[in-house]
Amino acid sequence: MATQMNTPQPGTPEPARARAVFSTEDFGLLRQAVAHYLHEIQDTPQSVKFSNLYHRLGRLS
């Protein structure tokens, strides 16, 4: 079974852009929640991953 690529035909409108899932305010709330969780799991190997996530969320807001 061959797969087809959906390419726009001449004269047809382009598909609408996807809407954002999170708002700017959501990133601030997520960052706050991650910060709280970081205090709960400090000194565990998992805390490094959450610390990185915390900093990445800070760059987005």
N, C-alpha and C. Protein backbone atom coordinates (compact mmCIF):
# COMPACT_ATOMS: atom_id res chain seq x y z
N MET A 1 0.85 -1.17 0.00
CA MET A 1 0.00 0.00 0.00
C MET A 1 0.90 1.24 0.00
N ALA A 2 0.74 2.09 -0.97
CA ALA A 2 1.54 3.31 -1.09
C ALA A 2 0.90 4.42 -0.28
N THR A 3 1.74 5.26 0.30
CA THR A 3 1.22 6.41 1.04
C THR A 3 1.24 7.62 0.14
N GLN A 4 0.25 8.47 0.31
CA GLN A 4 0.17 9.69 -0.48
C GLN A 4 0.51 10.88 0.40
N MET A 5 1.19 11.84 -0.19
CA MET A 5 1.48 13.08 0.51
C MET A 5 0.36 14.06 0.17
N ASN A 6 -0.14 14.75 1.15
CA ASN A 6 -1.19 15.74 0.93
C ASN A 6 -0.54 17.07 0.58
N THR A 7 -0.41 17.34 -0.68
CA THR A 7 0.15 18.61 -1.13
C THR A 7 -1.00 19.48 -1.62
N PRO A 8 -0.95 20.76 -1.30
CA PRO A 8 -2.03 21.65 -1.75
C PRO A 8 -2.08 21.72 -3.27
N GLN A 9 -3.27 21.65 -3.80
CA GLN A 9 -3.46 21.77 -5.24
C GLN A 9 -3.53 23.25 -5.60
N PRO A 10 -3.12 23.61 -6.81
CA PRO A 10 -3.21 25.01 -7.22
C PRO A 10 -4.64 25.52 -7.10
N GLY A 11 -4.78 26.70 -6.48
CA GLY A 11 -6.08 27.32 -6.34
C GLY A 11 -6.84 26.92 -5.09
N THR A 12 -6.27 26.00 -4.27
CA THR A 12 -6.94 25.63 -3.02
C THR A 12 -6.27 26.33 -1.85
N PRO A 13 -7.04 26.72 -0.85
CA PRO A 13 -6.45 27.42 0.30
C PRO A 13 -5.56 26.50 1.13
N GLU A 14 -4.58 27.08 1.79
CA GLU A 14 -3.69 26.32 2.67
C GLU A 14 -4.45 25.97 3.94
N PRO A 15 -4.10 24.86 4.58
CA PRO A 15 -4.76 24.52 5.84
C PRO A 15 -4.45 25.56 6.92
N ALA A 16 -5.37 25.70 7.86
CA ALA A 16 -5.19 26.67 8.95
C ALA A 16 -4.04 26.23 9.85
N ARG A 17 -3.34 27.22 10.43
CA ARG A 17 -2.26 26.92 11.36
C ARG A 17 -2.83 26.36 12.64
N ALA A 18 -2.06 25.47 13.26
CA ALA A 18 -2.48 24.90 14.54
C ALA A 18 -2.44 25.97 15.62
N ARG A 19 -3.38 25.91 16.53
CA ARG A 19 -3.43 26.87 17.63
C ARG A 19 -2.49 26.42 18.74
N ALA A 20 -1.97 27.37 19.48
CA ALA A 20 -1.07 27.07 20.59
C ALA A 20 -1.84 26.31 21.67
N VAL A 21 -1.16 25.36 22.29
CA VAL A 21 -1.78 24.57 23.35
C VAL A 21 -1.70 25.30 24.68
N PHE A 22 -0.56 25.94 24.96
CA PHE A 22 -0.36 26.65 26.22
C PHE A 22 -0.27 28.14 25.98
N SER A 23 -0.81 28.91 26.91
CA SER A 23 -0.67 30.36 26.84
C SER A 23 0.61 30.76 27.58
N THR A 24 0.98 32.01 27.46
CA THR A 24 2.16 32.52 28.15
C THR A 24 1.99 32.38 29.66
N GLU A 25 0.78 32.64 30.14
CA GLU A 25 0.51 32.51 31.57
C GLU A 25 0.65 31.06 32.03
N ASP A 26 0.29 30.11 31.17
CA ASP A 26 0.42 28.69 31.52
C ASP A 26 1.88 28.32 31.80
N PHE A 27 2.79 28.86 31.03
CA PHE A 27 4.20 28.55 31.24
C PHE A 27 4.67 29.03 32.61
N GLY A 28 4.19 30.18 33.04
CA GLY A 28 4.52 30.67 34.37
C GLY A 28 3.98 29.76 35.46
N LEU A 29 2.75 29.28 35.27
CA LEU A 29 2.16 28.36 36.25
C LEU A 29 2.90 27.03 36.28
N LEU A 30 3.26 26.52 35.13
CA LEU A 30 4.01 25.27 35.06
C LEU A 30 5.38 25.42 35.73
N ARG A 31 6.01 26.55 35.50
CA ARG A 31 7.33 26.80 36.10
C ARG A 31 7.21 26.84 37.62
N GLN A 32 6.16 27.47 38.12
CA GLN A 32 5.94 27.55 39.56
C GLN A 32 5.69 26.15 40.14
N ALA A 33 4.93 25.33 39.45
CA ALA A 33 4.65 23.97 39.92
C ALA A 33 5.92 23.12 39.92
N VAL A 34 6.75 23.27 38.89
CA VAL A 34 8.00 22.52 38.83
C VAL A 34 8.93 22.97 39.95
N ALA A 35 8.96 24.26 40.25
CA ALA A 35 9.80 24.77 41.34
C ALA A 35 9.37 24.15 42.68
N HIS A 36 8.07 24.07 42.90
CA HIS A 36 7.58 23.46 44.13
C HIS A 36 7.99 21.99 44.20
N TYR A 37 7.83 21.28 43.09
CA TYR A 37 8.18 19.85 43.06
C TYR A 37 9.68 19.65 43.25
N LEU A 38 10.48 20.57 42.73
CA LEU A 38 11.94 20.48 42.91
C LEU A 38 12.31 20.48 44.40
N HIS A 39 11.62 21.27 45.18
CA HIS A 39 11.90 21.29 46.62
C HIS A 39 11.53 19.96 47.28
N GLU A 40 10.50 19.30 46.75
CA GLU A 40 10.07 18.02 47.30
C GLU A 40 11.05 16.89 46.98
N ILE A 41 11.68 16.94 45.81
CA ILE A 41 12.53 15.83 45.37
C ILE A 41 14.02 16.18 45.37
N GLN A 42 14.39 17.25 46.06
CA GLN A 42 15.80 17.65 46.06
C GLN A 42 16.69 16.50 46.53
N ASP A 43 17.91 16.49 46.06
CA ASP A 43 18.90 15.46 46.38
C ASP A 43 18.54 14.09 45.83
N THR A 44 17.75 14.03 44.76
CA THR A 44 17.49 12.77 44.07
C THR A 44 18.00 12.91 42.64
N PRO A 45 18.32 11.79 42.00
CA PRO A 45 18.79 11.88 40.60
C PRO A 45 17.76 12.53 39.67
N GLN A 46 16.49 12.34 39.96
CA GLN A 46 15.42 12.90 39.12
C GLN A 46 15.40 14.42 39.16
N SER A 47 15.92 15.02 40.22
CA SER A 47 15.86 16.48 40.38
C SER A 47 16.64 17.22 39.29
N VAL A 48 17.65 16.60 38.73
CA VAL A 48 18.43 17.24 37.66
C VAL A 48 17.55 17.47 36.43
N LYS A 49 16.75 16.48 36.10
CA LYS A 49 15.87 16.60 34.93
C LYS A 49 14.82 17.70 35.15
N PHE A 50 14.27 17.77 36.36
CA PHE A 50 13.28 18.79 36.64
C PHE A 50 13.90 20.18 36.73
N SER A 51 15.14 20.25 37.17
CA SER A 51 15.84 21.53 37.19
C SER A 51 16.04 22.05 35.77
N ASN A 52 16.42 21.17 34.87
CA ASN A 52 16.58 21.56 33.47
C ASN A 52 15.25 22.01 32.87
N LEU A 53 14.17 21.30 33.20
CA LEU A 53 12.85 21.68 32.72
C LEU A 53 12.47 23.06 33.25
N TYR A 54 12.74 23.31 34.51
CA TYR A 54 12.45 24.60 35.13
C TYR A 54 13.12 25.73 34.36
N HIS A 55 14.37 25.54 34.01
CA HIS A 55 15.11 26.60 33.28
C HIS A 55 14.61 26.75 31.85
N ARG A 56 14.24 25.64 31.20
CA ARG A 56 13.70 25.75 29.85
C ARG A 56 12.36 26.49 29.85
N LEU A 57 11.53 26.24 30.85
CA LEU A 57 10.25 26.94 30.94
C LEU A 57 10.47 28.44 31.17
N GLY A 58 11.53 28.81 31.87
CA GLY A 58 11.82 30.21 32.11
C GLY A 58 12.20 30.95 30.85
N ARG A 59 12.81 30.24 29.89
CA ARG A 59 13.18 30.89 28.64
C ARG A 59 11.97 31.13 27.75
N LEU A 60 10.90 30.38 27.95
CA LEU A 60 9.72 30.50 27.09
C LEU A 60 8.77 31.60 27.53
N SER A 61 8.79 31.94 28.79
CA SER A 61 7.81 32.92 29.26
C SER A 61 8.33 34.33 29.15
